[in-house]
Amino acid sequence: MEQIRDTKYSGPLLYMDTANHDMTKLHDGAIRYFSGGYRAAEKEAQQREVQFLETGGSVATKVISLLEYIGFRKNICLDRT
């Protein structure tokens, strides 16, 4: 929650179905997406008639799946460590 609290950001905020619910209430433009590989999330996505994204079990894989879904054709990943 601390990453977005007191920011002036007003654009879309994409978050996974497993995100902290209180965090998602802090931002008006929050957009939920559903994780493939989790039965409950896949069922919820089907009921809402929205696509779920493959997750692969890591944050990096989720981000790459999300970028592909949005339509990015080139993705550059940097590691700060």
N, C-alpha and C. Protein backbone atom coordinates (compact mmCIF):
# COMPACT_ATOMS: atom_id res chain seq x y z
N MET A 1 0.81 -1.20 0.00
CA MET A 1 0.00 0.00 0.00
C MET A 1 0.85 1.25 0.00
N GLU A 2 2.03 1.15 0.60
CA GLU A 2 2.88 2.33 0.71
C GLU A 2 3.38 2.81 -0.64
N GLN A 3 3.45 1.92 -1.64
CA GLN A 3 3.95 2.34 -2.95
C GLN A 3 3.01 3.33 -3.64
N ILE A 4 1.71 3.27 -3.35
CA ILE A 4 0.80 4.18 -4.04
C ILE A 4 0.15 5.20 -3.12
N ARG A 5 0.28 5.04 -1.83
CA ARG A 5 -0.33 6.00 -0.89
C ARG A 5 0.30 7.38 -1.11
N ASP A 6 -0.51 8.40 -1.09
CA ASP A 6 -0.08 9.80 -1.21
C ASP A 6 0.59 10.13 -2.54
N THR A 7 0.36 9.34 -3.56
CA THR A 7 0.88 9.70 -4.88
C THR A 7 -0.19 10.49 -5.61
N LYS A 8 0.21 11.17 -6.63
CA LYS A 8 -0.73 11.93 -7.44
C LYS A 8 -1.07 11.17 -8.73
N TYR A 9 -0.64 9.92 -8.80
CA TYR A 9 -0.89 9.12 -9.99
C TYR A 9 -2.38 8.87 -10.14
N SER A 10 -2.91 9.13 -11.34
CA SER A 10 -4.35 8.94 -11.56
C SER A 10 -4.64 8.03 -12.75
N GLY A 11 -3.61 7.44 -13.34
CA GLY A 11 -3.81 6.55 -14.48
C GLY A 11 -4.22 5.16 -14.04
N PRO A 12 -4.28 4.25 -15.00
CA PRO A 12 -4.68 2.88 -14.65
C PRO A 12 -3.65 2.20 -13.77
N LEU A 13 -4.12 1.36 -12.89
CA LEU A 13 -3.26 0.55 -12.04
C LEU A 13 -3.70 -0.89 -12.23
N LEU A 14 -2.85 -1.67 -12.85
CA LEU A 14 -3.17 -3.07 -13.10
C LEU A 14 -2.73 -3.89 -11.91
N TYR A 15 -3.61 -4.73 -11.41
CA TYR A 15 -3.24 -5.55 -10.27
C TYR A 15 -3.81 -6.95 -10.42
N MET A 16 -3.13 -7.91 -9.81
CA MET A 16 -3.54 -9.30 -9.87
C MET A 16 -4.65 -9.56 -8.87
N ASP A 17 -5.37 -10.62 -9.11
CA ASP A 17 -6.47 -11.00 -8.22
C ASP A 17 -5.98 -11.36 -6.83
N THR A 18 -4.70 -11.59 -6.67
CA THR A 18 -4.16 -11.94 -5.36
C THR A 18 -3.62 -10.72 -4.60
N ALA A 19 -3.80 -9.51 -5.16
CA ALA A 19 -3.29 -8.30 -4.53
C ALA A 19 -4.04 -7.99 -3.24
N ASN A 20 -3.40 -7.21 -2.40
CA ASN A 20 -4.00 -6.75 -1.15
C ASN A 20 -5.23 -5.89 -1.48
N HIS A 21 -6.40 -6.32 -1.00
CA HIS A 21 -7.64 -5.62 -1.32
C HIS A 21 -7.64 -4.17 -0.84
N ASP A 22 -7.08 -3.92 0.33
CA ASP A 22 -7.02 -2.55 0.84
C ASP A 22 -6.20 -1.65 -0.07
N MET A 23 -5.14 -2.19 -0.67
CA MET A 23 -4.32 -1.41 -1.60
C MET A 23 -5.16 -1.02 -2.81
N THR A 24 -5.96 -1.93 -3.32
CA THR A 24 -6.72 -1.63 -4.53
C THR A 24 -7.78 -0.56 -4.29
N LYS A 25 -8.22 -0.40 -3.06
CA LYS A 25 -9.22 0.62 -2.75
C LYS A 25 -8.60 2.02 -2.68
N LEU A 26 -7.28 2.11 -2.60
CA LEU A 26 -6.61 3.42 -2.53
C LEU A 26 -6.58 4.14 -3.86
N HIS A 27 -6.82 3.43 -4.94
CA HIS A 27 -6.65 4.00 -6.27
C HIS A 27 -7.94 3.85 -7.07
N ASP A 28 -8.46 4.96 -7.62
CA ASP A 28 -9.72 4.93 -8.36
C ASP A 28 -9.62 4.20 -9.69
N GLY A 29 -8.46 4.21 -10.32
CA GLY A 29 -8.32 3.62 -11.64
C GLY A 29 -7.84 2.18 -11.64
N ALA A 30 -8.04 1.48 -10.54
CA ALA A 30 -7.53 0.11 -10.43
C ALA A 30 -8.25 -0.82 -11.39
N ILE A 31 -7.47 -1.65 -12.08
CA ILE A 31 -8.00 -2.62 -13.03
C ILE A 31 -7.50 -4.00 -12.61
N ARG A 32 -8.40 -4.89 -12.33
CA ARG A 32 -8.06 -6.23 -11.85
C ARG A 32 -7.87 -7.17 -13.04
N TYR A 33 -6.86 -8.02 -12.95
CA TYR A 33 -6.78 -9.10 -13.91
C TYR A 33 -6.60 -10.41 -13.17
N PHE A 34 -6.96 -11.48 -13.83
CA PHE A 34 -7.04 -12.79 -13.18
C PHE A 34 -5.89 -13.68 -13.62
N SER A 35 -5.39 -14.46 -12.69
CA SER A 35 -4.22 -15.30 -12.91
C SER A 35 -4.62 -16.70 -13.36
N GLY A 36 -4.08 -17.11 -14.50
CA GLY A 36 -4.27 -18.49 -14.94
C GLY A 36 -3.47 -19.41 -14.03
N GLY A 37 -3.91 -20.64 -13.93
CA GLY A 37 -3.22 -21.60 -13.08
C GLY A 37 -3.81 -21.69 -11.68
N TYR A 38 -4.73 -20.80 -11.37
CA TYR A 38 -5.43 -20.82 -10.09
C TYR A 38 -6.91 -21.04 -10.38
N ARG A 39 -7.44 -22.19 -9.94
CA ARG A 39 -8.81 -22.56 -10.30
C ARG A 39 -9.83 -21.50 -9.94
N ALA A 40 -9.74 -20.95 -8.74
CA ALA A 40 -10.72 -19.94 -8.31
C ALA A 40 -10.66 -18.70 -9.21
N ALA A 41 -9.44 -18.27 -9.57
CA ALA A 41 -9.29 -17.09 -10.42
C ALA A 41 -9.79 -17.38 -11.83
N GLU A 42 -9.50 -18.56 -12.36
CA GLU A 42 -9.97 -18.91 -13.69
C GLU A 42 -11.50 -18.97 -13.72
N LYS A 43 -12.10 -19.53 -12.67
CA LYS A 43 -13.55 -19.61 -12.58
C LYS A 43 -14.17 -18.21 -12.53
N GLU A 44 -13.58 -17.35 -11.71
CA GLU A 44 -14.07 -15.97 -11.61
C GLU A 44 -13.96 -15.25 -12.94
N ALA A 45 -12.85 -15.42 -13.65
CA ALA A 45 -12.66 -14.79 -14.96
C ALA A 45 -13.72 -15.29 -15.94
N GLN A 46 -14.00 -16.57 -15.92
CA GLN A 46 -15.02 -17.12 -16.81
C GLN A 46 -16.40 -16.55 -16.49
N GLN A 47 -16.71 -16.44 -15.20
CA GLN A 47 -18.01 -15.88 -14.80
C GLN A 47 -18.16 -14.43 -15.22
N ARG A 48 -17.06 -13.68 -15.18
CA ARG A 48 -17.10 -12.26 -15.56
C ARG A 48 -16.88 -12.09 -17.06
N GLU A 49 -16.61 -13.19 -17.75
CA GLU A 49 -16.34 -13.18 -19.19
C GLU A 49 -15.16 -12.28 -19.54
N VAL A 50 -14.08 -12.42 -18.75
CA VAL A 50 -12.83 -11.71 -19.02
C VAL A 50 -11.71 -12.73 -19.16
N GLN A 51 -10.69 -12.35 -19.87
CA GLN A 51 -9.55 -13.25 -20.07
C GLN A 51 -8.68 -13.29 -18.83
N PHE A 52 -8.14 -14.46 -18.54
CA PHE A 52 -7.14 -14.54 -17.49
C PHE A 52 -5.77 -14.68 -18.14
N LEU A 53 -4.74 -14.31 -17.40
CA LEU A 53 -3.37 -14.33 -17.92
C LEU A 53 -2.60 -15.48 -17.31
N GLU A 54 -1.79 -16.12 -18.12
CA GLU A 54 -0.91 -17.16 -17.62
C GLU A 54 0.10 -16.53 -16.69
N THR A 55 0.40 -17.22 -15.60
CA THR A 55 1.27 -16.61 -14.61
C THR A 55 2.65 -17.24 -14.54
N GLY A 56 2.76 -18.53 -14.70
CA GLY A 56 4.06 -19.17 -14.65
C GLY A 56 4.68 -19.22 -13.27
N GLY A 57 4.02 -18.65 -12.28
CA GLY A 57 4.50 -18.76 -10.91
C GLY A 57 5.46 -17.68 -10.44
N SER A 58 5.84 -16.74 -11.31
CA SER A 58 6.75 -15.68 -10.88
C SER A 58 6.19 -14.32 -11.29
N VAL A 59 6.62 -13.29 -10.60
CA VAL A 59 6.17 -11.94 -10.92
C VAL A 59 6.63 -11.56 -12.32
N ALA A 60 7.85 -11.91 -12.68
CA ALA A 60 8.36 -11.57 -14.01
C ALA A 60 7.52 -12.20 -15.11
N THR A 61 7.14 -13.45 -14.95
CA THR A 61 6.31 -14.11 -15.94
C THR A 61 4.96 -13.44 -16.04
N LYS A 62 4.40 -13.04 -14.92
CA LYS A 62 3.11 -12.35 -14.93
C LYS A 62 3.21 -11.03 -15.69
N VAL A 63 4.27 -10.29 -15.46
CA VAL A 63 4.45 -9.01 -16.13
C VAL A 63 4.60 -9.21 -17.63
N ILE A 64 5.38 -10.20 -18.05
CA ILE A 64 5.55 -10.47 -19.47
C ILE A 64 4.22 -10.86 -20.10
N SER A 65 3.44 -11.72 -19.44
CA SER A 65 2.12 -12.10 -19.95
C SER A 65 1.21 -10.87 -20.08
N LEU A 66 1.27 -9.98 -19.11
CA LEU A 66 0.45 -8.77 -19.14
C LEU A 66 0.86 -7.87 -20.29
N LEU A 67 2.16 -7.68 -20.49
CA LEU A 67 2.63 -6.85 -21.60
C LEU A 67 2.21 -7.43 -22.94
N GLU A 68 2.29 -8.75 -23.09
CA GLU A 68 1.84 -9.39 -24.33
C GLU A 68 0.34 -9.18 -24.53
N TYR A 69 -0.44 -9.32 -23.46
CA TYR A 69 -1.88 -9.15 -23.53
C TYR A 69 -2.24 -7.73 -23.96
N ILE A 70 -1.53 -6.75 -23.43
CA ILE A 70 -1.77 -5.35 -23.78
C ILE A 70 -1.39 -5.07 -25.23
N GLY A 71 -0.44 -5.83 -25.77
CA GLY A 71 -0.07 -5.67 -27.16
C GLY A 71 1.35 -5.22 -27.41
N PHE A 72 2.17 -5.16 -26.36
CA PHE A 72 3.57 -4.81 -26.55
C PHE A 72 4.25 -5.90 -27.36
N ARG A 73 5.03 -5.51 -28.35
CA ARG A 73 5.75 -6.50 -29.16
C ARG A 73 7.20 -6.64 -28.73
N LYS A 74 7.75 -5.61 -28.10
CA LYS A 74 9.12 -5.66 -27.59
C LYS A 74 9.08 -5.38 -26.11
N ASN A 75 9.76 -6.21 -25.35
CA ASN A 75 9.85 -6.02 -23.91
C ASN A 75 11.30 -6.08 -23.49
N ILE A 76 11.73 -5.13 -22.73
CA ILE A 76 13.09 -5.10 -22.21
C ILE A 76 13.02 -5.20 -20.70
N CYS A 77 13.65 -6.20 -20.14
CA CYS A 77 13.61 -6.41 -18.68
C CYS A 77 14.99 -6.08 -18.11
N LEU A 78 14.99 -5.29 -17.06
CA LEU A 78 16.23 -4.92 -16.38
C LEU A 78 16.16 -5.41 -14.94
N ASP A 79 17.28 -5.85 -14.43
CA ASP A 79 17.36 -6.31 -13.06
C ASP A 79 18.28 -5.35 -12.30
N ARG A 80 17.77 -4.81 -11.22
CA ARG A 80 18.52 -3.82 -10.44
C ARG A 80 19.51 -4.43 -9.47
N THR A 81 19.50 -5.72 -9.30
CA THR A 81 20.37 -6.33 -8.29
C THR A 81 21.81 -6.35 -8.70
